[in-house]
Amino acid sequence: MESVMAVVVGALFAASVYMMLRRSLVKLVIGLILLSNAANLLIFTVSGLTRGKPPLIPEGMDLPAGGWADPLPQALILTAIVIGFGVLAFAVVLIRRAYEVVGEDDLDKMRSTDL
């Protein structure tokens, strides 16, 4: 399962880099979305996928009887999702405002307006 996830994460990183290197601002935002999803999947894959196990140890026990899932990657992913959504919302608003002012989506044409 980890090898399949490694291929998926690699493909998402490659697609996100490709999209961010395009000249369109909309494709840049799509690349940012793919990059944040790839980073989240990478953290999950590296931490080890544990299914059906509780992330917390019951009160009064040192270790759970049936194993447990590490709660740290779950907390990191939750924080990354919230931060990624905030960055995405800011980028969408910034791109919309830039399009209203310049009237172009192409980054090369936007550069020519810096006189």
N, C-alpha and C. Protein backbone atom coordinates (compact mmCIF):
# COMPACT_ATOMS: atom_id res chain seq x y z
N MET A 1 0.82 -1.20 0.00
CA MET A 1 0.00 0.00 0.00
C MET A 1 0.87 1.26 0.00
N GLU A 2 1.99 1.21 0.71
CA GLU A 2 2.84 2.39 0.77
C GLU A 2 3.47 2.71 -0.58
N SER A 3 3.77 1.67 -1.37
CA SER A 3 4.37 1.92 -2.68
C SER A 3 3.36 2.59 -3.63
N VAL A 4 2.10 2.19 -3.54
CA VAL A 4 1.06 2.84 -4.36
C VAL A 4 0.89 4.29 -3.93
N MET A 5 0.89 4.52 -2.63
CA MET A 5 0.75 5.90 -2.13
C MET A 5 1.95 6.75 -2.53
N ALA A 6 3.15 6.14 -2.55
CA ALA A 6 4.34 6.89 -2.97
C ALA A 6 4.23 7.32 -4.43
N VAL A 7 3.70 6.45 -5.27
CA VAL A 7 3.51 6.80 -6.68
C VAL A 7 2.46 7.90 -6.82
N VAL A 8 1.38 7.80 -6.06
CA VAL A 8 0.33 8.82 -6.11
C VAL A 8 0.87 10.17 -5.64
N VAL A 9 1.62 10.16 -4.55
CA VAL A 9 2.20 11.42 -4.04
C VAL A 9 3.17 12.01 -5.05
N GLY A 10 4.01 11.17 -5.65
CA GLY A 10 4.94 11.65 -6.67
C GLY A 10 4.22 12.24 -7.86
N ALA A 11 3.14 11.59 -8.30
CA ALA A 11 2.37 12.11 -9.43
C ALA A 11 1.71 13.44 -9.07
N LEU A 12 1.20 13.56 -7.85
CA LEU A 12 0.59 14.82 -7.44
C LEU A 12 1.62 15.94 -7.35
N PHE A 13 2.80 15.65 -6.82
CA PHE A 13 3.85 16.66 -6.78
C PHE A 13 4.27 17.08 -8.19
N ALA A 14 4.41 16.10 -9.08
CA ALA A 14 4.80 16.42 -10.46
C ALA A 14 3.73 17.27 -11.15
N ALA A 15 2.47 16.90 -10.97
CA ALA A 15 1.39 17.66 -11.58
C ALA A 15 1.30 19.07 -11.00
N SER A 16 1.53 19.19 -9.70
CA SER A 16 1.45 20.52 -9.09
C SER A 16 2.58 21.42 -9.56
N VAL A 17 3.79 20.88 -9.68
CA VAL A 17 4.90 21.69 -10.18
C VAL A 17 4.65 22.09 -11.63
N TYR A 18 4.14 21.16 -12.44
CA TYR A 18 3.82 21.48 -13.82
C TYR A 18 2.78 22.59 -13.91
N MET A 19 1.74 22.50 -13.09
CA MET A 19 0.68 23.52 -13.12
C MET A 19 1.19 24.87 -12.62
N MET A 20 2.06 24.87 -11.63
CA MET A 20 2.56 26.14 -11.11
C MET A 20 3.55 26.81 -12.05
N LEU A 21 4.15 26.05 -12.96
CA LEU A 21 5.07 26.64 -13.92
C LEU A 21 4.37 27.16 -15.17
N ARG A 22 3.06 26.99 -15.28
CA ARG A 22 2.31 27.51 -16.41
C ARG A 22 2.18 29.02 -16.27
N ARG A 23 1.76 29.69 -17.33
CA ARG A 23 1.70 31.15 -17.32
C ARG A 23 0.37 31.69 -16.81
N SER A 24 -0.61 30.85 -16.60
CA SER A 24 -1.93 31.30 -16.17
C SER A 24 -2.03 31.34 -14.65
N LEU A 25 -2.71 32.36 -14.15
CA LEU A 25 -2.89 32.47 -12.71
C LEU A 25 -3.84 31.41 -12.17
N VAL A 26 -4.84 31.05 -12.94
CA VAL A 26 -5.78 30.01 -12.50
C VAL A 26 -5.06 28.67 -12.37
N LYS A 27 -4.17 28.38 -13.30
CA LYS A 27 -3.40 27.13 -13.22
C LYS A 27 -2.44 27.16 -12.04
N LEU A 28 -1.98 28.34 -11.67
CA LEU A 28 -1.14 28.48 -10.48
C LEU A 28 -1.92 28.09 -9.23
N VAL A 29 -3.16 28.52 -9.13
CA VAL A 29 -3.98 28.18 -7.97
C VAL A 29 -4.28 26.68 -7.95
N ILE A 30 -4.55 26.09 -9.10
CA ILE A 30 -4.78 24.64 -9.16
C ILE A 30 -3.52 23.90 -8.72
N GLY A 31 -2.35 24.40 -9.12
CA GLY A 31 -1.10 23.79 -8.67
C GLY A 31 -0.91 23.89 -7.17
N LEU A 32 -1.30 25.02 -6.59
CA LEU A 32 -1.22 25.16 -5.14
C LEU A 32 -2.13 24.17 -4.42
N ILE A 33 -3.32 23.95 -4.96
CA ILE A 33 -4.24 22.98 -4.36
C ILE A 33 -3.63 21.58 -4.42
N LEU A 34 -3.11 21.22 -5.59
CA LEU A 34 -2.50 19.90 -5.73
C LEU A 34 -1.29 19.73 -4.83
N LEU A 35 -0.51 20.80 -4.67
CA LEU A 35 0.67 20.73 -3.81
C LEU A 35 0.29 20.51 -2.35
N SER A 36 -0.74 21.19 -1.88
CA SER A 36 -1.14 20.99 -0.49
C SER A 36 -1.70 19.59 -0.27
N ASN A 37 -2.46 19.07 -1.23
CA ASN A 37 -2.97 17.70 -1.11
C ASN A 37 -1.84 16.68 -1.16
N ALA A 38 -0.85 16.92 -2.00
CA ALA A 38 0.29 16.00 -2.07
C ALA A 38 1.08 16.00 -0.77
N ALA A 39 1.25 17.17 -0.18
CA ALA A 39 1.98 17.25 1.09
C ALA A 39 1.22 16.53 2.20
N ASN A 40 -0.10 16.66 2.22
CA ASN A 40 -0.90 15.97 3.22
C ASN A 40 -0.81 14.45 3.06
N LEU A 41 -0.90 13.98 1.83
CA LEU A 41 -0.77 12.54 1.59
C LEU A 41 0.63 12.04 1.93
N LEU A 42 1.64 12.86 1.69
CA LEU A 42 3.00 12.47 2.04
C LEU A 42 3.15 12.29 3.54
N ILE A 43 2.59 13.19 4.32
CA ILE A 43 2.67 13.07 5.77
C ILE A 43 1.95 11.80 6.24
N PHE A 44 0.77 11.54 5.68
CA PHE A 44 0.05 10.32 6.04
C PHE A 44 0.83 9.07 5.68
N THR A 45 1.44 9.06 4.50
CA THR A 45 2.16 7.88 4.05
C THR A 45 3.41 7.63 4.89
N VAL A 46 4.14 8.67 5.19
CA VAL A 46 5.37 8.53 5.96
C VAL A 46 5.08 8.09 7.39
N SER A 47 3.95 8.55 7.94
CA SER A 47 3.64 8.20 9.33
C SER A 47 3.14 6.78 9.47
N GLY A 48 2.79 6.16 8.38
CA GLY A 48 2.27 4.79 8.45
C GLY A 48 0.76 4.79 8.57
N LEU A 49 0.12 4.10 7.66
CA LEU A 49 -1.34 4.07 7.66
C LEU A 49 -1.82 3.01 8.63
N THR A 50 -2.60 3.41 9.61
CA THR A 50 -3.15 2.51 10.61
C THR A 50 -4.67 2.60 10.55
N ARG A 51 -5.32 1.49 10.24
CA ARG A 51 -6.78 1.51 10.09
C ARG A 51 -7.45 0.85 11.29
N GLY A 52 -8.55 1.44 11.72
CA GLY A 52 -9.37 0.83 12.74
C GLY A 52 -8.79 0.87 14.15
N LYS A 53 -7.79 1.66 14.38
CA LYS A 53 -7.18 1.76 15.71
C LYS A 53 -7.47 3.15 16.28
N PRO A 54 -7.69 3.25 17.58
CA PRO A 54 -7.98 4.56 18.16
C PRO A 54 -6.70 5.40 18.27
N PRO A 55 -6.80 6.72 18.08
CA PRO A 55 -5.63 7.57 18.22
C PRO A 55 -5.31 7.93 19.67
N LEU A 56 -6.17 7.55 20.60
CA LEU A 56 -5.96 7.89 22.01
C LEU A 56 -5.88 6.62 22.85
N ILE A 57 -5.13 6.70 23.93
CA ILE A 57 -5.01 5.57 24.86
C ILE A 57 -6.09 5.74 25.92
N PRO A 58 -6.85 4.70 26.24
CA PRO A 58 -7.90 4.82 27.25
C PRO A 58 -7.33 5.22 28.62
N GLU A 59 -8.15 5.86 29.40
CA GLU A 59 -7.74 6.33 30.72
C GLU A 59 -7.43 5.14 31.64
N GLY A 60 -6.33 5.24 32.34
CA GLY A 60 -5.93 4.21 33.27
C GLY A 60 -5.06 3.11 32.67
N MET A 61 -4.74 3.20 31.39
CA MET A 61 -3.91 2.20 30.73
C MET A 61 -2.63 2.86 30.23
N ASP A 62 -1.55 2.10 30.27
CA ASP A 62 -0.29 2.60 29.72
C ASP A 62 -0.26 2.46 28.20
N LEU A 63 -0.72 1.32 27.71
CA LEU A 63 -0.80 1.07 26.27
C LEU A 63 -2.13 0.41 25.96
N PRO A 64 -2.73 0.72 24.83
CA PRO A 64 -3.99 0.04 24.49
C PRO A 64 -3.73 -1.42 24.14
N ALA A 65 -4.73 -2.26 24.34
CA ALA A 65 -4.57 -3.69 24.12
C ALA A 65 -4.43 -4.04 22.63
N GLY A 66 -5.13 -3.34 21.76
CA GLY A 66 -5.14 -3.71 20.34
C GLY A 66 -4.31 -2.81 19.46
N GLY A 67 -3.41 -2.05 19.99
CA GLY A 67 -2.62 -1.12 19.19
C GLY A 67 -3.28 0.26 19.14
N TRP A 68 -2.58 1.19 18.54
CA TRP A 68 -3.10 2.55 18.47
C TRP A 68 -2.51 3.27 17.26
N ALA A 69 -3.19 4.31 16.85
CA ALA A 69 -2.74 5.14 15.74
C ALA A 69 -2.09 6.39 16.30
N ASP A 70 -1.05 6.84 15.66
CA ASP A 70 -0.32 8.03 16.12
C ASP A 70 -1.17 9.27 15.83
N PRO A 71 -1.52 10.06 16.85
CA PRO A 71 -2.38 11.23 16.62
C PRO A 71 -1.63 12.44 16.07
N LEU A 72 -0.30 12.45 16.12
CA LEU A 72 0.46 13.61 15.65
C LEU A 72 0.28 13.87 14.16
N PRO A 73 0.38 12.87 13.27
CA PRO A 73 0.15 13.16 11.85
C PRO A 73 -1.27 13.65 11.57
N GLN A 74 -2.23 13.15 12.32
CA GLN A 74 -3.60 13.61 12.14
C GLN A 74 -3.74 15.08 12.50
N ALA A 75 -3.09 15.49 13.58
CA ALA A 75 -3.12 16.89 13.98
C ALA A 75 -2.38 17.77 12.98
N LEU A 76 -1.25 17.28 12.47
CA LEU A 76 -0.51 18.04 11.46
C LEU A 76 -1.32 18.21 10.18
N ILE A 77 -2.00 17.17 9.75
CA ILE A 77 -2.81 17.25 8.54
C ILE A 77 -3.98 18.19 8.73
N LEU A 78 -4.63 18.12 9.87
CA LEU A 78 -5.75 19.03 10.13
C LEU A 78 -5.29 20.48 10.11
N THR A 79 -4.15 20.76 10.71
CA THR A 79 -3.60 22.12 10.68
C THR A 79 -3.22 22.52 9.27
N ALA A 80 -2.63 21.60 8.51
CA ALA A 80 -2.24 21.91 7.13
C ALA A 80 -3.45 22.17 6.25
N ILE A 81 -4.56 21.47 6.48
CA ILE A 81 -5.77 21.70 5.71
C ILE A 81 -6.31 23.10 5.96
N VAL A 82 -6.34 23.51 7.22
CA VAL A 82 -6.85 24.84 7.56
C VAL A 82 -5.95 25.93 6.99
N ILE A 83 -4.65 25.78 7.13
CA ILE A 83 -3.72 26.78 6.59
C ILE A 83 -3.78 26.81 5.07
N GLY A 84 -3.86 25.63 4.46
CA GLY A 84 -3.97 25.56 3.00
C GLY A 84 -5.23 26.22 2.49
N PHE A 85 -6.35 26.06 3.19
CA PHE A 85 -7.58 26.71 2.78
C PHE A 85 -7.46 28.23 2.89
N GLY A 86 -6.81 28.71 3.94
CA GLY A 86 -6.61 30.15 4.09
C GLY A 86 -5.74 30.72 2.99
N VAL A 87 -4.66 30.03 2.66
CA VAL A 87 -3.77 30.48 1.58
C VAL A 87 -4.50 30.45 0.26
N LEU A 88 -5.30 29.41 0.03
CA LEU A 88 -6.05 29.32 -1.21
C LEU A 88 -7.08 30.44 -1.33
N ALA A 89 -7.79 30.74 -0.26
CA ALA A 89 -8.77 31.82 -0.29
C ALA A 89 -8.09 33.16 -0.57
N PHE A 90 -6.94 33.40 0.06
CA PHE A 90 -6.20 34.63 -0.19
C PHE A 90 -5.73 34.70 -1.64
N ALA A 91 -5.23 33.58 -2.17
CA ALA A 91 -4.74 33.57 -3.55
C ALA A 91 -5.87 33.81 -4.54
N VAL A 92 -7.04 33.24 -4.30
CA VAL A 92 -8.17 33.46 -5.21
C VAL A 92 -8.59 34.92 -5.21
N VAL A 93 -8.66 35.54 -4.05
CA VAL A 93 -9.03 36.95 -3.97
C VAL A 93 -7.97 37.82 -4.62
N LEU A 94 -6.70 37.52 -4.39
CA LEU A 94 -5.62 38.29 -4.99
C LEU A 94 -5.61 38.16 -6.51
N ILE A 95 -5.84 36.97 -7.01
CA ILE A 95 -5.87 36.77 -8.46
C ILE A 95 -7.08 37.46 -9.08
N ARG A 96 -8.21 37.40 -8.41
CA ARG A 96 -9.39 38.10 -8.94
C ARG A 96 -9.16 39.60 -9.01
N ARG A 97 -8.56 40.15 -7.98
CA ARG A 97 -8.28 41.59 -7.98
C ARG A 97 -7.25 41.95 -9.06
N ALA A 98 -6.24 41.13 -9.23
CA ALA A 98 -5.24 41.39 -10.27
C ALA A 98 -5.87 41.31 -11.65
N TYR A 99 -6.80 40.39 -11.84
CA TYR A 99 -7.47 40.29 -13.13
C TYR A 99 -8.36 41.49 -13.39
N GLU A 100 -9.02 42.00 -12.33
CA GLU A 100 -9.85 43.19 -12.50
C GLU A 100 -9.03 44.41 -12.87
N VAL A 101 -7.85 44.55 -12.27
CA VAL A 101 -7.01 45.72 -12.52
C VAL A 101 -6.33 45.62 -13.88
N VAL A 102 -5.70 44.49 -14.17
CA VAL A 102 -4.90 44.35 -15.38
C VAL A 102 -5.74 43.88 -16.56
N GLY A 103 -6.71 43.02 -16.31
CA GLY A 103 -7.54 42.50 -17.38
C GLY A 103 -6.91 41.32 -18.12
N GLU A 104 -5.88 40.74 -17.55
CA GLU A 104 -5.18 39.60 -18.16
C GLU A 104 -4.97 38.50 -17.14
N ASP A 105 -4.92 37.27 -17.65
CA ASP A 105 -4.64 36.12 -16.80
C ASP A 105 -3.21 35.62 -17.02
N ASP A 106 -2.58 36.06 -18.10
CA ASP A 106 -1.25 35.61 -18.47
C ASP A 106 -0.20 36.39 -17.68
N LEU A 107 0.71 35.66 -17.03
CA LEU A 107 1.72 36.31 -16.19
C LEU A 107 2.71 37.15 -17.00
N ASP A 108 3.04 36.72 -18.23
CA ASP A 108 3.96 37.48 -19.06
C ASP A 108 3.36 38.82 -19.47
N LYS A 109 2.07 38.84 -19.76
CA LYS A 109 1.40 40.09 -20.13
C LYS A 109 1.20 41.00 -18.91
N MET A 110 1.08 40.40 -17.74
CA MET A 110 0.94 41.21 -16.52
C MET A 110 2.27 41.89 -16.19
N ARG A 111 3.38 41.26 -16.53
CA ARG A 111 4.68 41.85 -16.25
C ARG A 111 4.91 43.09 -17.09
N SER A 112 4.36 43.11 -18.30
CA SER A 112 4.57 44.26 -19.18
C SER A 112 3.83 45.51 -18.73
N THR A 113 2.93 45.38 -17.75
CA THR A 113 2.21 46.53 -17.24
C THR A 113 2.95 47.26 -16.13
N ASP A 114 4.13 46.75 -15.73
CA ASP A 114 4.90 47.38 -14.65
C ASP A 114 5.77 48.50 -15.20
N LEU A 115 5.17 49.59 -15.57
CA LEU A 115 5.94 50.71 -16.13
C LEU A 115 6.23 51.76 -15.14
